[in-house]
Amino acid sequence: MGLRGWLNRLERGASGDLDSFRLRDDTTFYYDRLETSKELYCHAYDVRLGDADKWPELPEIYRKIAEAKDPAGALAQLEEQLTPRNPEMRFVDPSELLDVDALVNERRLVPIHHAPPEDLSE
């Protein structure tokens, strides 16, 4: 077995149960599905409350999708992972948070801004 094969096997073993997709520079981006889901949930929550400014940068997974060899495929993979058994219960929908066309076709991250909800506390 050559050095490259040994390194590839070592990389696969180190990645464990992580999900991944290929980047344009032929590297592989690995991410933990559970941790990513938590981060995207918190981000979506803040955006929908009009508090997107709490996030100086978008979550890393979105930035990496923009760098993916196949952005549409990487986004579809992420959306599949975020969709619960009952799709109506899905809280994180990237198409409600980002301009998906700009992400997939132009590799640009264009957030969709949401106004804060009306205060009904009175």
N, C-alpha and C. Protein backbone atom coordinates (compact mmCIF):
# COMPACT_ATOMS: atom_id res chain seq x y z
N MET A 1 0.86 -1.17 0.00
CA MET A 1 0.00 0.00 0.00
C MET A 1 0.90 1.23 0.00
N GLY A 2 0.61 2.16 -0.89
CA GLY A 2 1.40 3.37 -0.97
C GLY A 2 1.07 4.36 0.12
N LEU A 3 1.86 5.40 0.19
CA LEU A 3 1.66 6.44 1.21
C LEU A 3 0.29 7.09 1.08
N ARG A 4 -0.14 7.39 -0.16
CA ARG A 4 -1.45 8.03 -0.35
C ARG A 4 -2.58 7.14 0.16
N GLY A 5 -2.54 5.85 -0.14
CA GLY A 5 -3.57 4.93 0.33
C GLY A 5 -3.59 4.83 1.85
N TRP A 6 -2.41 4.80 2.45
CA TRP A 6 -2.31 4.75 3.90
C TRP A 6 -2.90 6.02 4.52
N LEU A 7 -2.59 7.18 3.93
CA LEU A 7 -3.12 8.45 4.44
C LEU A 7 -4.64 8.51 4.29
N ASN A 8 -5.15 8.04 3.16
CA ASN A 8 -6.61 8.03 2.96
C ASN A 8 -7.30 7.14 3.99
N ARG A 9 -6.72 5.98 4.26
CA ARG A 9 -7.31 5.07 5.26
C ARG A 9 -7.25 5.69 6.65
N LEU A 10 -6.14 6.34 6.96
CA LEU A 10 -6.00 7.02 8.24
C LEU A 10 -7.03 8.15 8.38
N GLU A 11 -7.23 8.90 7.31
CA GLU A 11 -8.21 10.00 7.31
C GLU A 11 -9.62 9.46 7.53
N ARG A 12 -9.97 8.38 6.84
CA ARG A 12 -11.31 7.79 7.01
C ARG A 12 -11.52 7.32 8.44
N GLY A 13 -10.51 6.72 9.03
CA GLY A 13 -10.62 6.25 10.41
C GLY A 13 -10.76 7.39 11.40
N ALA A 14 -10.05 8.49 11.14
CA ALA A 14 -10.10 9.63 12.05
C ALA A 14 -11.43 10.37 11.96
N SER A 15 -12.08 10.29 10.81
CA SER A 15 -13.33 11.04 10.63
C SER A 15 -14.49 10.40 11.38
N GLY A 16 -14.37 9.12 11.75
CA GLY A 16 -15.41 8.46 12.53
C GLY A 16 -16.77 8.53 11.88
N ASP A 17 -17.73 9.02 12.63
CA ASP A 17 -19.11 9.08 12.14
C ASP A 17 -19.46 10.46 11.58
N LEU A 18 -18.48 11.19 11.15
CA LEU A 18 -18.74 12.53 10.63
C LEU A 18 -19.25 12.47 9.20
N ASP A 19 -20.06 13.44 8.84
CA ASP A 19 -20.50 13.59 7.46
C ASP A 19 -19.49 14.47 6.75
N SER A 20 -19.52 14.45 5.42
CA SER A 20 -18.52 15.22 4.69
C SER A 20 -19.00 15.53 3.28
N PHE A 21 -18.31 16.48 2.66
CA PHE A 21 -18.43 16.72 1.23
C PHE A 21 -17.12 17.31 0.73
N ARG A 22 -16.91 17.20 -0.57
CA ARG A 22 -15.65 17.64 -1.18
C ARG A 22 -15.70 19.14 -1.45
N LEU A 23 -14.56 19.77 -1.24
CA LEU A 23 -14.40 21.19 -1.53
C LEU A 23 -13.72 21.37 -2.88
N ARG A 24 -13.77 22.59 -3.39
CA ARG A 24 -13.19 22.87 -4.71
C ARG A 24 -11.70 22.61 -4.75
N ASP A 25 -11.01 22.73 -3.64
CA ASP A 25 -9.57 22.51 -3.61
C ASP A 25 -9.22 21.03 -3.42
N ASP A 26 -10.19 20.15 -3.63
CA ASP A 26 -10.04 18.69 -3.52
C ASP A 26 -9.76 18.20 -2.10
N THR A 27 -10.03 19.02 -1.11
CA THR A 27 -9.99 18.55 0.26
C THR A 27 -11.40 18.14 0.66
N THR A 28 -11.52 17.49 1.78
CA THR A 28 -12.83 17.06 2.27
C THR A 28 -13.15 17.83 3.53
N PHE A 29 -14.36 18.37 3.58
CA PHE A 29 -14.83 19.07 4.78
C PHE A 29 -15.68 18.09 5.58
N TYR A 30 -15.27 17.83 6.81
CA TYR A 30 -15.99 16.93 7.71
C TYR A 30 -16.75 17.77 8.74
N TYR A 31 -17.94 17.32 9.08
CA TYR A 31 -18.72 18.01 10.10
C TYR A 31 -19.56 17.01 10.87
N ASP A 32 -19.81 17.37 12.11
CA ASP A 32 -20.64 16.56 13.00
C ASP A 32 -22.09 16.98 12.78
N ARG A 33 -22.91 16.03 12.38
CA ARG A 33 -24.31 16.33 12.06
C ARG A 33 -25.06 16.96 13.24
N LEU A 34 -24.87 16.41 14.44
CA LEU A 34 -25.58 16.90 15.62
C LEU A 34 -25.13 18.31 15.99
N GLU A 35 -23.83 18.54 16.04
CA GLU A 35 -23.31 19.87 16.38
C GLU A 35 -23.74 20.91 15.34
N THR A 36 -23.70 20.53 14.08
CA THR A 36 -24.10 21.44 13.01
C THR A 36 -25.59 21.76 13.13
N SER A 37 -26.40 20.76 13.42
CA SER A 37 -27.84 20.99 13.58
C SER A 37 -28.11 21.96 14.72
N LYS A 38 -27.38 21.80 15.83
CA LYS A 38 -27.55 22.72 16.97
C LYS A 38 -27.21 24.15 16.57
N GLU A 39 -26.07 24.30 15.89
CA GLU A 39 -25.64 25.64 15.47
C GLU A 39 -26.65 26.26 14.51
N LEU A 40 -27.14 25.48 13.55
CA LEU A 40 -28.10 26.02 12.58
C LEU A 40 -29.44 26.34 13.24
N TYR A 41 -29.83 25.56 14.23
CA TYR A 41 -31.07 25.84 14.96
C TYR A 41 -30.95 27.19 15.68
N CYS A 42 -29.84 27.39 16.39
CA CYS A 42 -29.63 28.66 17.12
C CYS A 42 -29.57 29.84 16.15
N HIS A 43 -28.90 29.65 15.04
CA HIS A 43 -28.81 30.72 14.04
C HIS A 43 -30.19 31.05 13.48
N ALA A 44 -30.95 30.03 13.09
CA ALA A 44 -32.29 30.26 12.53
C ALA A 44 -33.20 30.93 13.56
N TYR A 45 -33.09 30.52 14.80
CA TYR A 45 -33.89 31.12 15.87
C TYR A 45 -33.60 32.62 15.98
N ASP A 46 -32.33 32.98 16.03
CA ASP A 46 -31.96 34.39 16.14
C ASP A 46 -32.38 35.18 14.91
N VAL A 47 -32.20 34.61 13.74
CA VAL A 47 -32.59 35.32 12.51
C VAL A 47 -34.08 35.59 12.50
N ARG A 48 -34.86 34.59 12.86
CA ARG A 48 -36.32 34.76 12.84
C ARG A 48 -36.81 35.73 13.90
N LEU A 49 -36.02 35.94 14.95
CA LEU A 49 -36.38 36.93 15.96
C LEU A 49 -35.84 38.31 15.61
N GLY A 50 -35.20 38.42 14.45
CA GLY A 50 -34.64 39.71 14.03
C GLY A 50 -33.31 40.01 14.70
N ASP A 51 -32.67 39.01 15.27
CA ASP A 51 -31.39 39.19 15.96
C ASP A 51 -30.23 38.60 15.18
N ALA A 52 -30.25 38.71 13.87
CA ALA A 52 -29.18 38.15 13.05
C ALA A 52 -27.84 38.81 13.34
N ASP A 53 -27.88 40.03 13.90
CA ASP A 53 -26.62 40.72 14.20
C ASP A 53 -25.85 40.04 15.32
N LYS A 54 -26.45 39.08 16.02
CA LYS A 54 -25.73 38.30 17.02
C LYS A 54 -24.69 37.39 16.37
N TRP A 55 -24.81 37.21 15.08
CA TRP A 55 -23.92 36.33 14.33
C TRP A 55 -23.05 37.17 13.39
N PRO A 56 -21.81 37.50 13.81
CA PRO A 56 -20.95 38.29 12.93
C PRO A 56 -20.63 37.55 11.63
N GLU A 57 -20.64 36.22 11.67
CA GLU A 57 -20.46 35.39 10.49
C GLU A 57 -21.55 34.35 10.46
N LEU A 58 -21.91 33.93 9.26
CA LEU A 58 -22.86 32.83 9.13
C LEU A 58 -22.23 31.55 9.65
N PRO A 59 -23.03 30.56 10.01
CA PRO A 59 -22.47 29.29 10.46
C PRO A 59 -21.48 28.71 9.43
N GLU A 60 -20.48 28.03 9.95
CA GLU A 60 -19.40 27.51 9.11
C GLU A 60 -19.90 26.62 7.98
N ILE A 61 -20.93 25.82 8.22
CA ILE A 61 -21.41 24.90 7.19
C ILE A 61 -21.85 25.66 5.94
N TYR A 62 -22.48 26.83 6.11
CA TYR A 62 -22.90 27.61 4.95
C TYR A 62 -21.69 28.13 4.18
N ARG A 63 -20.67 28.59 4.92
CA ARG A 63 -19.46 29.08 4.26
C ARG A 63 -18.77 27.96 3.49
N LYS A 64 -18.77 26.76 4.04
CA LYS A 64 -18.14 25.62 3.37
C LYS A 64 -18.95 25.15 2.17
N ILE A 65 -20.27 25.25 2.24
CA ILE A 65 -21.09 24.89 1.08
C ILE A 65 -20.75 25.81 -0.09
N ALA A 66 -20.48 27.08 0.20
CA ALA A 66 -20.09 28.02 -0.86
C ALA A 66 -18.76 27.61 -1.48
N GLU A 67 -17.94 26.89 -0.75
CA GLU A 67 -16.63 26.44 -1.25
C GLU A 67 -16.69 25.01 -1.81
N ALA A 68 -17.85 24.37 -1.75
CA ALA A 68 -17.98 22.97 -2.15
C ALA A 68 -17.79 22.80 -3.65
N LYS A 69 -17.30 21.62 -4.00
CA LYS A 69 -17.16 21.27 -5.41
C LYS A 69 -18.55 21.26 -6.07
N ASP A 70 -19.54 20.75 -5.34
CA ASP A 70 -20.93 20.68 -5.80
C ASP A 70 -21.81 21.34 -4.74
N PRO A 71 -21.97 22.68 -4.80
CA PRO A 71 -22.76 23.36 -3.76
C PRO A 71 -24.20 22.85 -3.68
N ALA A 72 -24.81 22.57 -4.82
CA ALA A 72 -26.20 22.10 -4.80
C ALA A 72 -26.29 20.75 -4.10
N GLY A 73 -25.35 19.87 -4.37
CA GLY A 73 -25.34 18.55 -3.73
C GLY A 73 -25.08 18.66 -2.23
N ALA A 74 -24.14 19.51 -1.84
CA ALA A 74 -23.83 19.69 -0.42
C ALA A 74 -25.03 20.27 0.32
N LEU A 75 -25.72 21.24 -0.31
CA LEU A 75 -26.90 21.84 0.30
C LEU A 75 -28.03 20.82 0.41
N ALA A 76 -28.21 20.01 -0.63
CA ALA A 76 -29.25 18.98 -0.59
C ALA A 76 -28.96 17.96 0.51
N GLN A 77 -27.69 17.59 0.68
CA GLN A 77 -27.29 16.67 1.74
C GLN A 77 -27.62 17.26 3.10
N LEU A 78 -27.30 18.54 3.29
CA LEU A 78 -27.58 19.20 4.56
C LEU A 78 -29.09 19.27 4.82
N GLU A 79 -29.86 19.65 3.80
CA GLU A 79 -31.31 19.75 3.97
C GLU A 79 -31.92 18.40 4.31
N GLU A 80 -31.41 17.35 3.70
CA GLU A 80 -31.92 16.01 4.00
C GLU A 80 -31.66 15.65 5.46
N GLN A 81 -30.51 16.04 5.96
CA GLN A 81 -30.16 15.74 7.35
C GLN A 81 -30.98 16.57 8.32
N LEU A 82 -31.39 17.77 7.92
CA LEU A 82 -32.13 18.65 8.81
C LEU A 82 -33.63 18.37 8.82
N THR A 83 -34.10 17.60 7.86
CA THR A 83 -35.53 17.33 7.77
C THR A 83 -35.91 16.19 8.70
N PRO A 84 -36.75 16.48 9.70
CA PRO A 84 -37.20 15.41 10.60
C PRO A 84 -38.17 14.47 9.90
N ARG A 85 -38.56 13.43 10.60
CA ARG A 85 -39.50 12.47 10.00
C ARG A 85 -40.78 13.16 9.55
N ASN A 86 -41.22 14.15 10.31
CA ASN A 86 -42.39 14.95 9.93
C ASN A 86 -41.87 16.28 9.39
N PRO A 87 -41.84 16.47 8.06
CA PRO A 87 -41.25 17.68 7.47
C PRO A 87 -41.89 18.98 7.94
N GLU A 88 -43.13 18.93 8.41
CA GLU A 88 -43.78 20.15 8.89
C GLU A 88 -43.15 20.65 10.19
N MET A 89 -42.41 19.78 10.86
CA MET A 89 -41.75 20.14 12.12
C MET A 89 -40.34 20.69 11.90
N ARG A 90 -39.94 20.82 10.65
CA ARG A 90 -38.59 21.29 10.35
C ARG A 90 -38.46 22.75 10.74
N PHE A 91 -37.45 23.05 11.53
CA PHE A 91 -37.26 24.42 12.00
C PHE A 91 -36.23 25.18 11.17
N VAL A 92 -35.22 24.47 10.70
CA VAL A 92 -34.16 25.12 9.93
C VAL A 92 -34.38 24.83 8.46
N ASP A 93 -34.65 25.87 7.70
CA ASP A 93 -34.79 25.75 6.25
C ASP A 93 -33.84 26.76 5.63
N PRO A 94 -32.72 26.31 5.09
CA PRO A 94 -31.75 27.26 4.52
C PRO A 94 -32.35 28.20 3.48
N SER A 95 -33.39 27.77 2.77
CA SER A 95 -33.98 28.64 1.75
C SER A 95 -34.73 29.82 2.36
N GLU A 96 -35.04 29.76 3.66
CA GLU A 96 -35.67 30.90 4.33
C GLU A 96 -34.63 31.83 4.95
N LEU A 97 -33.38 31.38 4.99
CA LEU A 97 -32.33 32.15 5.63
C LEU A 97 -31.31 32.72 4.66
N LEU A 98 -31.14 32.04 3.52
CA LEU A 98 -30.14 32.45 2.53
C LEU A 98 -30.74 32.45 1.14
N ASP A 99 -30.18 33.29 0.28
CA ASP A 99 -30.55 33.25 -1.13
C ASP A 99 -29.86 32.03 -1.72
N VAL A 100 -30.62 30.95 -1.86
CA VAL A 100 -30.06 29.67 -2.29
C VAL A 100 -29.52 29.76 -3.71
N ASP A 101 -30.16 30.52 -4.58
CA ASP A 101 -29.69 30.68 -5.95
C ASP A 101 -28.29 31.30 -5.96
N ALA A 102 -28.08 32.33 -5.17
CA ALA A 102 -26.76 32.97 -5.10
C ALA A 102 -25.73 32.00 -4.51
N LEU A 103 -26.14 31.20 -3.54
CA LEU A 103 -25.22 30.24 -2.92
C LEU A 103 -24.80 29.17 -3.92
N VAL A 104 -25.76 28.58 -4.60
CA VAL A 104 -25.48 27.46 -5.49
C VAL A 104 -24.82 27.90 -6.80
N ASN A 105 -25.33 28.98 -7.39
CA ASN A 105 -24.85 29.37 -8.72
C ASN A 105 -23.68 30.35 -8.70
N GLU A 106 -23.63 31.20 -7.68
CA GLU A 106 -22.58 32.23 -7.65
C GLU A 106 -21.61 32.04 -6.49
N ARG A 107 -21.90 31.06 -5.62
CA ARG A 107 -21.07 30.78 -4.44
C ARG A 107 -20.96 32.01 -3.52
N ARG A 108 -22.07 32.75 -3.44
CA ARG A 108 -22.12 33.92 -2.56
C ARG A 108 -23.12 33.65 -1.45
N LEU A 109 -22.78 34.13 -0.26
CA LEU A 109 -23.68 34.00 0.89
C LEU A 109 -24.46 35.30 1.04
N VAL A 110 -25.73 35.25 0.72
CA VAL A 110 -26.60 36.41 0.80
C VAL A 110 -27.71 36.11 1.79
N PRO A 111 -27.57 36.61 3.02
CA PRO A 111 -28.61 36.35 4.03
C PRO A 111 -29.92 37.04 3.68
N ILE A 112 -31.01 36.40 4.03
CA ILE A 112 -32.34 37.00 3.91
C ILE A 112 -32.66 37.58 5.27
N HIS A 113 -32.91 38.86 5.32
CA HIS A 113 -33.15 39.53 6.60
C HIS A 113 -34.62 39.45 6.96
N HIS A 114 -34.86 39.20 8.23
CA HIS A 114 -36.22 39.11 8.75
C HIS A 114 -36.43 40.22 9.77
N ALA A 115 -37.59 40.86 9.70
CA ALA A 115 -37.93 41.88 10.69
C ALA A 115 -38.26 41.19 12.01
N PRO A 116 -37.96 41.84 13.12
CA PRO A 116 -38.33 41.23 14.41
C PRO A 116 -39.84 41.04 14.48
N PRO A 117 -40.29 40.01 15.18
CA PRO A 117 -41.74 39.80 15.30
C PRO A 117 -42.38 40.93 16.11
N GLU A 118 -43.64 41.14 15.86
CA GLU A 118 -44.38 42.17 16.58
C GLU A 118 -44.45 41.83 18.06
N ASP A 119 -44.25 42.83 18.91
CA ASP A 119 -44.32 42.62 20.36
C ASP A 119 -45.78 42.59 20.78
N LEU A 120 -46.24 41.45 21.23
CA LEU A 120 -47.63 41.27 21.63
C LEU A 120 -47.80 41.19 23.15
N SER A 121 -46.80 41.67 23.87
CA SER A 121 -46.81 41.54 25.33
C SER A 121 -47.76 42.48 26.04
N GLU A 122 -48.31 43.45 25.37
CA GLU A 122 -49.21 44.41 26.05
C GLU A 122 -50.59 43.87 26.23
